[in-house]
Amino acid sequence: MKLSILIVNYNQKYFPRLCLEALKKSKTDFEYEVIFCDNASTDDSLVFLKSAEDGKKVRLVRARKNLGYGKANNLAAKGARGKYLLILNADVMVEENTLQEMMDYIEKHEEVGILAPKLVYHDGTIQPSCRRDFKFLDLFIKRTFLKKIPPFKKRYQRYVMADYNKNNEQEVDLVTGAFMMIPRFLFEKICGFDERYFLFMEDFDLCKKVRAAGYKIIYYPLARATHYHKRLSEGSAFGLAFKKISWLHLNSAIKYFWKWK
């Protein structure tokens, strides 16, 4: 089998159904499987996942509790049979040729450790899905009003790579974890996602490990997908201080910078 698609679900309502429907419309010349890992959902999405499971092309792995994003992906990967893994968010809808375009590229470039497509929001706006290596201050600027104020604005734009042409293929430092294709041998070699991160930063950490292993991270805009993305950790500084999700992000950021200092 050529590809295993890993999708973590936690109370995602309708997205798993839409995501799977889009995948099934894919035009590929290779065989692939879809492995959902459900993080103890309590909504109707679990009902759908049970009905969608066929034991062959679509499989369901159920966690007894919410494991977090990275650990759930690692659990799904344990049963993967594909030569390559596709880590995919449930709220990402591929186009008919997305999987084929990605596979054609990564098969021809052995130096590539992670391949990421162009992601666009539902309104057609291109998502800034690539990052340069950054400091703790860059994260704080991104999630507060400071990103609109010089000179912080310039620093923020550099971090999110606002200066690059998003229609050009290029090697980058980091990509967000909504859509990442990686050779399975490499994922296993670097021990997958670091499970110390419950949510946030696990994708950037994986990118750092891939680069440390001597492989490239490539942004490949010829392949594209739509991301129905909701920002969980952005807002006013005052509002963020009282959000549980913000404390999770802070906890992950501390672990990340301590690990890669």
C-alpha atoms as a PDB file:
ATOM      1  CA  MET A   1       0.000   0.000   0.000  1.00  0.00           C
ATOM      2  CA  LYS A   2       1.292   3.443  -0.925  1.00  0.00           C
ATOM      3  CA  LEU A   3      -0.425   5.818   1.532  1.00  0.00           C
ATOM      4  CA  SER A   4      -1.992   5.788   4.985  1.00  0.00           C
ATOM      5  CA  ILE A   5      -4.085   8.864   5.817  1.00  0.00           C
ATOM      6  CA  LEU A   6      -4.245   9.590   9.551  1.00  0.00           C
ATOM      7  CA  ILE A   7      -7.114  11.746  10.824  1.00  0.00           C
ATOM      8  CA  VAL A   8      -7.644  12.610  14.494  1.00  0.00           C
ATOM      9  CA  ASN A   9     -11.199  13.387  15.545  1.00  0.00           C
ATOM     10  CA  TYR A  10     -12.494  14.952  18.725  1.00  0.00           C
ATOM     11  CA  ASN A  11     -16.086  16.173  18.577  1.00  0.00           C
ATOM     12  CA  GLN A  12     -15.683  17.488  15.042  1.00  0.00           C
ATOM     13  CA  LYS A  13     -19.388  17.093  14.187  1.00  0.00           C
ATOM     14  CA  TYR A  14     -19.707  17.058  10.385  1.00  0.00           C
ATOM     15  CA  PHE A  15     -16.065  17.448   9.333  1.00  0.00           C
ATOM     16  CA  PRO A  16     -15.051  13.750   9.362  1.00  0.00           C
ATOM     17  CA  ARG A  17     -17.895  12.952   6.960  1.00  0.00           C
ATOM     18  CA  LEU A  18     -17.007  15.838   4.626  1.00  0.00           C
ATOM     19  CA  CYS A  19     -13.313  15.033   4.800  1.00  0.00           C
ATOM     20  CA  LEU A  20     -13.872  11.380   3.928  1.00  0.00           C
ATOM     21  CA  GLU A  21     -16.251  12.243   1.094  1.00  0.00           C
ATOM     22  CA  ALA A  22     -13.600  14.512  -0.424  1.00  0.00           C
ATOM     23  CA  LEU A  23     -10.939  11.807  -0.090  1.00  0.00           C
ATOM     24  CA  LYS A  24     -13.169   9.271  -1.829  1.00  0.00           C
ATOM     25  CA  LYS A  25     -13.458  11.608  -4.821  1.00  0.00           C
ATOM     26  CA  SER A  26      -9.672  11.619  -5.212  1.00  0.00           C
ATOM     27  CA  LYS A  27      -8.288  10.420  -8.529  1.00  0.00           C
ATOM     28  CA  THR A  28      -5.197   8.339  -7.771  1.00  0.00           C
ATOM     29  CA  ASP A  29      -3.236   5.556  -9.434  1.00  0.00           C
ATOM     30  CA  PHE A  30      -2.241   4.112  -6.058  1.00  0.00           C
ATOM     31  CA  GLU A  31      -3.942   2.389  -3.165  1.00  0.00           C
ATOM     32  CA  TYR A  32      -4.523   4.232   0.111  1.00  0.00           C
ATOM     33  CA  GLU A  33      -6.239   3.699   3.437  1.00  0.00           C
ATOM     34  CA  VAL A  34      -7.850   6.102   5.902  1.00  0.00           C
ATOM     35  CA  ILE A  35      -7.315   5.603   9.625  1.00  0.00           C
ATOM     36  CA  PHE A  36      -9.421   7.700  11.974  1.00  0.00           C
ATOM     37  CA  CYS A  37      -8.331   7.971  15.579  1.00  0.00           C
ATOM     38  CA  ASP A  38     -11.175   9.162  17.767  1.00  0.00           C
ATOM     39  CA  ASN A  39     -10.193  10.880  21.005  1.00  0.00           C
ATOM     40  CA  ALA A  40     -13.213   9.721  23.048  1.00  0.00           C
ATOM     41  CA  SER A  41     -15.717  11.953  21.238  1.00  0.00           C
ATOM     42  CA  THR A  42     -19.174  12.388  22.705  1.00  0.00           C
ATOM     43  CA  ASP A  43     -20.919  13.920  19.690  1.00  0.00           C
ATOM     44  CA  ASP A  44     -22.473  12.483  16.525  1.00  0.00           C
ATOM     45  CA  SER A  45     -19.136  12.329  14.715  1.00  0.00           C
ATOM     46  CA  LEU A  46     -18.379   9.029  16.444  1.00  0.00           C
ATOM     47  CA  VAL A  47     -21.654   7.592  15.159  1.00  0.00           C
ATOM     48  CA  PHE A  48     -20.562   8.404  11.626  1.00  0.00           C
ATOM     49  CA  LEU A  49     -17.061   7.000  12.099  1.00  0.00           C
ATOM     50  CA  LYS A  50     -18.473   3.690  13.313  1.00  0.00           C
ATOM     51  CA  SER A  51     -20.725   3.475  10.264  1.00  0.00           C
ATOM     52  CA  ALA A  52     -17.905   4.461   7.863  1.00  0.00           C
ATOM     53  CA  GLU A  53     -15.481   1.809   9.104  1.00  0.00           C
ATOM     54  CA  ASP A  54     -15.116  -1.131   6.723  1.00  0.00           C
ATOM     55  CA  GLY A  55     -12.025  -2.762   8.237  1.00  0.00           C
ATOM     56  CA  LYS A  56     -10.052  -2.342   5.005  1.00  0.00           C
ATOM     57  CA  LYS A  57      -9.910   1.068   3.342  1.00  0.00           C
ATOM     58  CA  VAL A  58     -11.451   2.956   6.268  1.00  0.00           C
ATOM     59  CA  ARG A  59     -10.527   1.960   9.803  1.00  0.00           C
ATOM     60  CA  LEU A  60     -11.339   3.392  13.207  1.00  0.00           C
ATOM     61  CA  VAL A  61      -9.068   3.421  16.239  1.00  0.00           C
ATOM     62  CA  ARG A  62     -10.765   4.496  19.450  1.00  0.00           C
ATOM     63  CA  ALA A  63      -8.878   6.017  22.358  1.00  0.00           C
ATOM     64  CA  ARG A  64     -10.320   5.593  25.846  1.00  0.00           C
ATOM     65  CA  LYS A  65      -9.695   9.261  26.597  1.00  0.00           C
ATOM     66  CA  ASN A  66      -8.607  12.431  24.805  1.00  0.00           C
ATOM     67  CA  LEU A  67      -4.943  11.711  24.106  1.00  0.00           C
ATOM     68  CA  GLY A  68      -4.183  15.014  22.435  1.00  0.00           C
ATOM     69  CA  TYR A  69      -3.222  15.522  18.793  1.00  0.00           C
ATOM     70  CA  GLY A  70       0.273  14.065  18.573  1.00  0.00           C
ATOM     71  CA  LYS A  71      -0.325  10.976  20.701  1.00  0.00           C
ATOM     72  CA  ALA A  72      -3.531  10.167  18.817  1.00  0.00           C
ATOM     73  CA  ASN A  73      -1.688  10.384  15.489  1.00  0.00           C
ATOM     74  CA  ASN A  74       1.013   8.082  16.856  1.00  0.00           C
ATOM     75  CA  LEU A  75      -1.673   5.607  17.869  1.00  0.00           C
ATOM     76  CA  ALA A  76      -3.204   5.690  14.389  1.00  0.00           C
ATOM     77  CA  ALA A  77       0.236   5.291  12.787  1.00  0.00           C
ATOM     78  CA  LYS A  78       0.898   2.032  14.659  1.00  0.00           C
ATOM     79  CA  GLY A  79      -1.542   0.241  12.396  1.00  0.00           C
ATOM     80  CA  ALA A  80      -0.588   2.058   9.183  1.00  0.00           C
ATOM     81  CA  ARG A  81       0.418  -0.044   6.193  1.00  0.00           C
ATOM     82  CA  GLY A  82       1.359   2.703   3.742  1.00  0.00           C
ATOM     83  CA  LYS A  83       4.837   3.592   2.513  1.00  0.00           C
ATOM     84  CA  TYR A  84       3.911   7.192   3.279  1.00  0.00           C
ATOM     85  CA  LEU A  85       1.791   8.776   5.993  1.00  0.00           C
ATOM     86  CA  LEU A  86      -0.518  11.724   5.446  1.00  0.00           C
ATOM     87  CA  ILE A  87      -1.312  13.581   8.664  1.00  0.00           C
ATOM     88  CA  LEU A  88      -4.579  15.320   7.883  1.00  0.00           C
ATOM     89  CA  ASN A  89      -6.945  17.479   9.911  1.00  0.00           C
ATOM     90  CA  ALA A  90     -10.596  16.479   9.775  1.00  0.00           C
ATOM     91  CA  ASP A  91     -11.500  20.000   8.636  1.00  0.00           C
ATOM     92  CA  VAL A  92      -9.334  19.811   5.499  1.00  0.00           C
ATOM     93  CA  MET A  93     -10.975  18.926   2.179  1.00  0.00           C
ATOM     94  CA  VAL A  94      -8.693  17.709  -0.597  1.00  0.00           C
ATOM     95  CA  GLU A  95      -9.295  18.370  -4.275  1.00  0.00           C
ATOM     96  CA  GLU A  96      -9.554  15.536  -6.784  1.00  0.00           C
ATOM     97  CA  ASN A  97      -5.875  15.679  -7.753  1.00  0.00           C
ATOM     98  CA  THR A  98      -4.354  16.663  -4.379  1.00  0.00           C
ATOM     99  CA  LEU A  99      -3.223  13.209  -3.289  1.00  0.00           C
ATOM    100  CA  GLN A 100      -1.807  12.322  -6.696  1.00  0.00           C
ATOM    101  CA  GLU A 101       0.112  15.591  -7.008  1.00  0.00           C
ATOM    102  CA  MET A 102       1.624  15.086  -3.553  1.00  0.00           C
ATOM    103  CA  MET A 103       2.545  11.468  -4.207  1.00  0.00           C
ATOM    104  CA  ASP A 104       4.121  12.201  -7.596  1.00  0.00           C
ATOM    105  CA  TYR A 105       6.349  14.816  -6.004  1.00  0.00           C
ATOM    106  CA  ILE A 106       7.476  12.995  -2.878  1.00  0.00           C
ATOM    107  CA  GLU A 107       8.227   9.805  -4.804  1.00  0.00           C
ATOM    108  CA  LYS A 108      10.677  11.726  -7.001  1.00  0.00           C
ATOM    109  CA  HIS A 109      12.436  13.550  -4.151  1.00  0.00           C
ATOM    110  CA  GLU A 110      14.047  11.255  -1.610  1.00  0.00           C
ATOM    111  CA  GLU A 111      15.500  14.238   0.250  1.00  0.00           C
ATOM    112  CA  VAL A 112      12.023  15.407   1.272  1.00  0.00           C
ATOM    113  CA  GLY A 113      11.005  14.544   4.822  1.00  0.00           C
ATOM    114  CA  ILE A 114       7.749  16.514   4.950  1.00  0.00           C
ATOM    115  CA  LEU A 115       5.701  17.718   1.996  1.00  0.00           C
ATOM    116  CA  ALA A 116       2.926  20.267   2.542  1.00  0.00           C
ATOM    117  CA  PRO A 117       0.461  21.693  -0.017  1.00  0.00           C
ATOM    118  CA  LYS A 118      -1.066  25.116  -0.403  1.00  0.00           C
ATOM    119  CA  LEU A 119      -3.954  25.456   2.039  1.00  0.00           C
ATOM    120  CA  VAL A 120      -6.754  27.889   1.318  1.00  0.00           C
ATOM    121  CA  TYR A 121      -9.604  29.007   3.545  1.00  0.00           C
ATOM    122  CA  HIS A 122     -13.194  28.477   2.401  1.00  0.00           C
ATOM    123  CA  ASP A 123     -13.287  32.064   1.070  1.00  0.00           C
ATOM    124  CA  GLY A 124     -10.309  31.395  -1.193  1.00  0.00           C
ATOM    125  CA  THR A 125      -7.740  33.230   0.935  1.00  0.00           C
ATOM    126  CA  ILE A 126      -4.403  31.418   1.114  1.00  0.00           C
ATOM    127  CA  GLN A 127      -3.589  30.230   4.622  1.00  0.00           C
ATOM    128  CA  PRO A 128      -0.123  31.279   5.871  1.00  0.00           C
ATOM    129  CA  SER A 129       0.814  27.672   6.639  1.00  0.00           C
ATOM    130  CA  CYS A 130       4.613  28.035   6.605  1.00  0.00           C
ATOM    131  CA  ARG A 131       6.832  29.514   9.300  1.00  0.00           C
ATOM    132  CA  ARG A 132      10.412  30.523   9.836  1.00  0.00           C
ATOM    133  CA  ASP A 133      12.183  29.402  12.972  1.00  0.00           C
ATOM    134  CA  PHE A 134      11.103  31.694  15.781  1.00  0.00           C
ATOM    135  CA  LYS A 135      11.523  32.895  19.339  1.00  0.00           C
ATOM    136  CA  PHE A 136       8.997  32.959  22.168  1.00  0.00           C
ATOM    137  CA  LEU A 137       8.353  36.652  21.538  1.00  0.00           C
ATOM    138  CA  ASP A 138       7.203  35.858  17.994  1.00  0.00           C
ATOM    139  CA  LEU A 139       4.436  33.630  19.333  1.00  0.00           C
ATOM    140  CA  PHE A 140       3.296  36.318  21.742  1.00  0.00           C
ATOM    141  CA  ILE A 141       3.254  38.953  19.004  1.00  0.00           C
ATOM    142  CA  LYS A 142       1.245  36.680  16.696  1.00  0.00           C
ATOM    143  CA  ARG A 143      -1.487  36.186  19.269  1.00  0.00           C
ATOM    144  CA  THR A 144      -1.888  39.789  20.390  1.00  0.00           C
ATOM    145  CA  PHE A 145      -2.529  43.244  18.951  1.00  0.00           C
ATOM    146  CA  LEU A 146       1.247  43.806  18.786  1.00  0.00           C
ATOM    147  CA  LYS A 147       1.371  42.231  15.325  1.00  0.00           C
ATOM    148  CA  LYS A 148      -0.293  45.389  13.987  1.00  0.00           C
ATOM    149  CA  ILE A 149       2.188  47.813  15.556  1.00  0.00           C
ATOM    150  CA  PRO A 150       5.646  48.662  14.126  1.00  0.00           C
ATOM    151  CA  PRO A 151       8.287  47.315  14.648  1.00  0.00           C
ATOM    152  CA  PHE A 152       6.497  44.208  15.918  1.00  0.00           C
ATOM    153  CA  LYS A 153       4.504  44.066  12.692  1.00  0.00           C
ATOM    154  CA  LYS A 154       7.656  43.593  10.636  1.00  0.00           C
ATOM    155  CA  ARG A 155       8.867  40.865  12.964  1.00  0.00           C
ATOM    156  CA  TYR A 156       5.493  39.115  12.791  1.00  0.00           C
ATOM    157  CA  GLN A 157       5.431  39.251   8.992  1.00  0.00           C
ATOM    158  CA  ARG A 158       8.878  37.712   8.832  1.00  0.00           C
ATOM    159  CA  TYR A 159       7.829  34.891  11.174  1.00  0.00           C
ATOM    160  CA  VAL A 160       4.701  33.980   9.149  1.00  0.00           C
ATOM    161  CA  MET A 161       6.628  34.437   5.880  1.00  0.00           C
ATOM    162  CA  ALA A 162       4.397  37.207   4.573  1.00  0.00           C
ATOM    163  CA  ASP A 163       7.195  38.165   2.182  1.00  0.00           C
ATOM    164  CA  TYR A 164       7.240  34.959   0.141  1.00  0.00           C
ATOM    165  CA  ASN A 165       5.232  34.162  -2.977  1.00  0.00           C
ATOM    166  CA  LYS A 166       2.778  31.484  -1.890  1.00  0.00           C
ATOM    167  CA  ASN A 167       2.505  30.209  -5.450  1.00  0.00           C
ATOM    168  CA  ASN A 168       6.170  29.192  -5.541  1.00  0.00           C
ATOM    169  CA  GLU A 169       7.523  25.848  -4.408  1.00  0.00           C
ATOM    170  CA  GLN A 170      10.233  26.270  -1.774  1.00  0.00           C
ATOM    171  CA  GLU A 171      12.049  24.733   1.144  1.00  0.00           C
ATOM    172  CA  VAL A 172      10.829  26.110   4.486  1.00  0.00           C
ATOM    173  CA  ASP A 173      11.667  25.757   8.169  1.00  0.00           C
ATOM    174  CA  LEU A 174       8.244  24.750   9.501  1.00  0.00           C
ATOM    175  CA  VAL A 175       4.753  23.922   8.291  1.00  0.00           C
ATOM    176  CA  THR A 176       1.523  23.668  10.239  1.00  0.00           C
ATOM    177  CA  GLY A 177       0.259  20.177  10.979  1.00  0.00           C
ATOM    178  CA  ALA A 178      -3.080  20.356   9.171  1.00  0.00           C
ATOM    179  CA  PHE A 179      -1.643  18.533   6.136  1.00  0.00           C
ATOM    180  CA  MET A 180       1.767  16.863   6.202  1.00  0.00           C
ATOM    181  CA  MET A 181       2.983  13.959   4.064  1.00  0.00           C
ATOM    182  CA  ILE A 182       5.979  12.064   5.433  1.00  0.00           C
ATOM    183  CA  PRO A 183       7.679   8.737   4.611  1.00  0.00           C
ATOM    184  CA  ARG A 184       6.586   6.181   7.196  1.00  0.00           C
ATOM    185  CA  PHE A 185      10.144   4.934   7.764  1.00  0.00           C
ATOM    186  CA  LEU A 186      11.192   8.469   8.690  1.00  0.00           C
ATOM    187  CA  PHE A 187       8.203   8.998  10.984  1.00  0.00           C
ATOM    188  CA  GLU A 188       9.152   5.798  12.785  1.00  0.00           C
ATOM    189  CA  LYS A 189      12.854   6.661  12.797  1.00  0.00           C
ATOM    190  CA  ILE A 190      12.242   9.934  14.639  1.00  0.00           C
ATOM    191  CA  CYS A 191       9.648   8.255  16.911  1.00  0.00           C
ATOM    192  CA  GLY A 192       6.713  10.190  15.490  1.00  0.00           C
ATOM    193  CA  PHE A 193       5.183  13.072  17.396  1.00  0.00           C
ATOM    194  CA  ASP A 194       6.602  13.987  20.781  1.00  0.00           C
ATOM    195  CA  GLU A 195       3.761  12.945  23.085  1.00  0.00           C
ATOM    196  CA  ARG A 196       4.698  15.485  25.752  1.00  0.00           C
ATOM    197  CA  TYR A 197       2.694  18.024  23.746  1.00  0.00           C
ATOM    198  CA  PHE A 198      -1.032  17.616  24.309  1.00  0.00           C
ATOM    199  CA  LEU A 199      -2.025  20.285  21.788  1.00  0.00           C
ATOM    200  CA  PHE A 200      -0.022  22.887  19.827  1.00  0.00           C
ATOM    201  CA  MET A 201       3.659  22.894  18.845  1.00  0.00           C
ATOM    202  CA  GLU A 202       3.772  19.159  18.130  1.00  0.00           C
ATOM    203  CA  ASP A 203       3.756  19.905  14.392  1.00  0.00           C
ATOM    204  CA  PHE A 204       6.666  22.340  14.594  1.00  0.00           C
ATOM    205  CA  ASP A 205       8.522  19.913  16.826  1.00  0.00           C
ATOM    206  CA  LEU A 206       8.064  17.183  14.203  1.00  0.00           C
ATOM    207  CA  CYS A 207       9.458  19.547  11.565  1.00  0.00           C
ATOM    208  CA  LYS A 208      12.506  20.241  13.718  1.00  0.00           C
ATOM    209  CA  LYS A 209      13.115  16.521  14.169  1.00  0.00           C
ATOM    210  CA  VAL A 210      12.808  15.894  10.436  1.00  0.00           C
ATOM    211  CA  ARG A 211      15.352  18.614   9.676  1.00  0.00           C
ATOM    212  CA  ALA A 212      17.664  17.339  12.406  1.00  0.00           C
ATOM    213  CA  ALA A 213      17.554  13.947  10.686  1.00  0.00           C
ATOM    214  CA  GLY A 214      18.857  15.579   7.493  1.00  0.00           C
ATOM    215  CA  TYR A 215      15.656  15.880   5.458  1.00  0.00           C
ATOM    216  CA  LYS A 216      13.934  18.846   3.825  1.00  0.00           C
ATOM    217  CA  ILE A 217      10.517  20.384   4.416  1.00  0.00           C
ATOM    218  CA  ILE A 218       8.935  21.468   1.170  1.00  0.00           C
ATOM    219  CA  TYR A 219       5.948  23.727   0.559  1.00  0.00           C
ATOM    220  CA  TYR A 220       4.382  22.533  -2.702  1.00  0.00           C
ATOM    221  CA  PRO A 221       1.603  24.850  -3.963  1.00  0.00           C
ATOM    222  CA  LEU A 222       0.791  22.823  -7.075  1.00  0.00           C
ATOM    223  CA  ALA A 223      -1.178  20.605  -4.698  1.00  0.00           C
ATOM    224  CA  ARG A 224      -3.879  22.374  -2.711  1.00  0.00           C
ATOM    225  CA  ALA A 225      -6.694  21.735  -0.262  1.00  0.00           C
ATOM    226  CA  THR A 226      -9.347  23.762   1.538  1.00  0.00           C
ATOM    227  CA  HIS A 227      -9.003  24.248   5.291  1.00  0.00           C
ATOM    228  CA  TYR A 228     -12.132  25.120   7.263  1.00  0.00           C
ATOM    229  CA  HIS A 229      -9.958  26.455  10.019  1.00  0.00           C
ATOM    230  CA  LYS A 230     -11.006  28.027  13.311  1.00  0.00           C
ATOM    231  CA  ARG A 231      -8.302  29.835  15.248  1.00  0.00           C
ATOM    232  CA  LEU A 232      -8.243  28.496  18.781  1.00  0.00           C
ATOM    233  CA  SER A 233      -5.509  30.579  20.340  1.00  0.00           C
ATOM    234  CA  GLU A 234      -5.834  34.082  18.991  1.00  0.00           C
ATOM    235  CA  GLY A 235      -7.552  37.159  20.322  1.00  0.00           C
ATOM    236  CA  SER A 236      -6.940  40.018  22.710  1.00  0.00           C
ATOM    237  CA  ALA A 237      -4.250  39.580  25.341  1.00  0.00           C
ATOM    238  CA  PHE A 238      -6.880  40.046  28.069  1.00  0.00           C
ATOM    239  CA  GLY A 239      -9.203  37.473  26.571  1.00  0.00           C
ATOM    240  CA  LEU A 240      -6.442  34.941  25.998  1.00  0.00           C
ATOM    241  CA  ALA A 241      -5.408  35.063  29.629  1.00  0.00           C
ATOM    242  CA  PHE A 242      -8.716  33.448  30.623  1.00  0.00           C
ATOM    243  CA  LYS A 243      -8.897  30.775  27.919  1.00  0.00           C
ATOM    244  CA  LYS A 244      -7.988  27.201  28.804  1.00  0.00           C
ATOM    245  CA  ILE A 245      -6.779  26.740  25.245  1.00  0.00           C
ATOM    246  CA  SER A 246      -4.286  29.566  25.758  1.00  0.00           C
ATOM    247  CA  TRP A 247      -2.786  27.875  28.790  1.00  0.00           C
ATOM    248  CA  LEU A 248      -2.407  24.692  26.763  1.00  0.00           C
ATOM    249  CA  HIS A 249      -0.599  26.675  24.098  1.00  0.00           C
ATOM    250  CA  LEU A 250       1.672  28.301  26.667  1.00  0.00           C
ATOM    251  CA  ASN A 251       2.469  24.941  28.227  1.00  0.00           C
ATOM    252  CA  SER A 252       3.414  23.500  24.837  1.00  0.00           C
ATOM    253  CA  ALA A 253       5.482  26.563  23.940  1.00  0.00           C
ATOM    254  CA  ILE A 254       7.511  26.242  27.138  1.00  0.00           C
ATOM    255  CA  LYS A 255       8.206  22.578  26.382  1.00  0.00           C
ATOM    256  CA  TYR A 256       9.160  23.434  22.804  1.00  0.00           C
ATOM    257  CA  PHE A 257      11.630  26.175  23.652  1.00  0.00           C
ATOM    258  CA  TRP A 258      13.116  24.190  26.510  1.00  0.00           C
ATOM    259  CA  LYS A 259      13.685  21.251  24.152  1.00  0.00           C
ATOM    260  CA  TRP A 260      15.130  23.241  21.250  1.00  0.00           C
ATOM    261  CA  LYS A 261      17.002  25.979  23.126  1.00  0.00           C
END
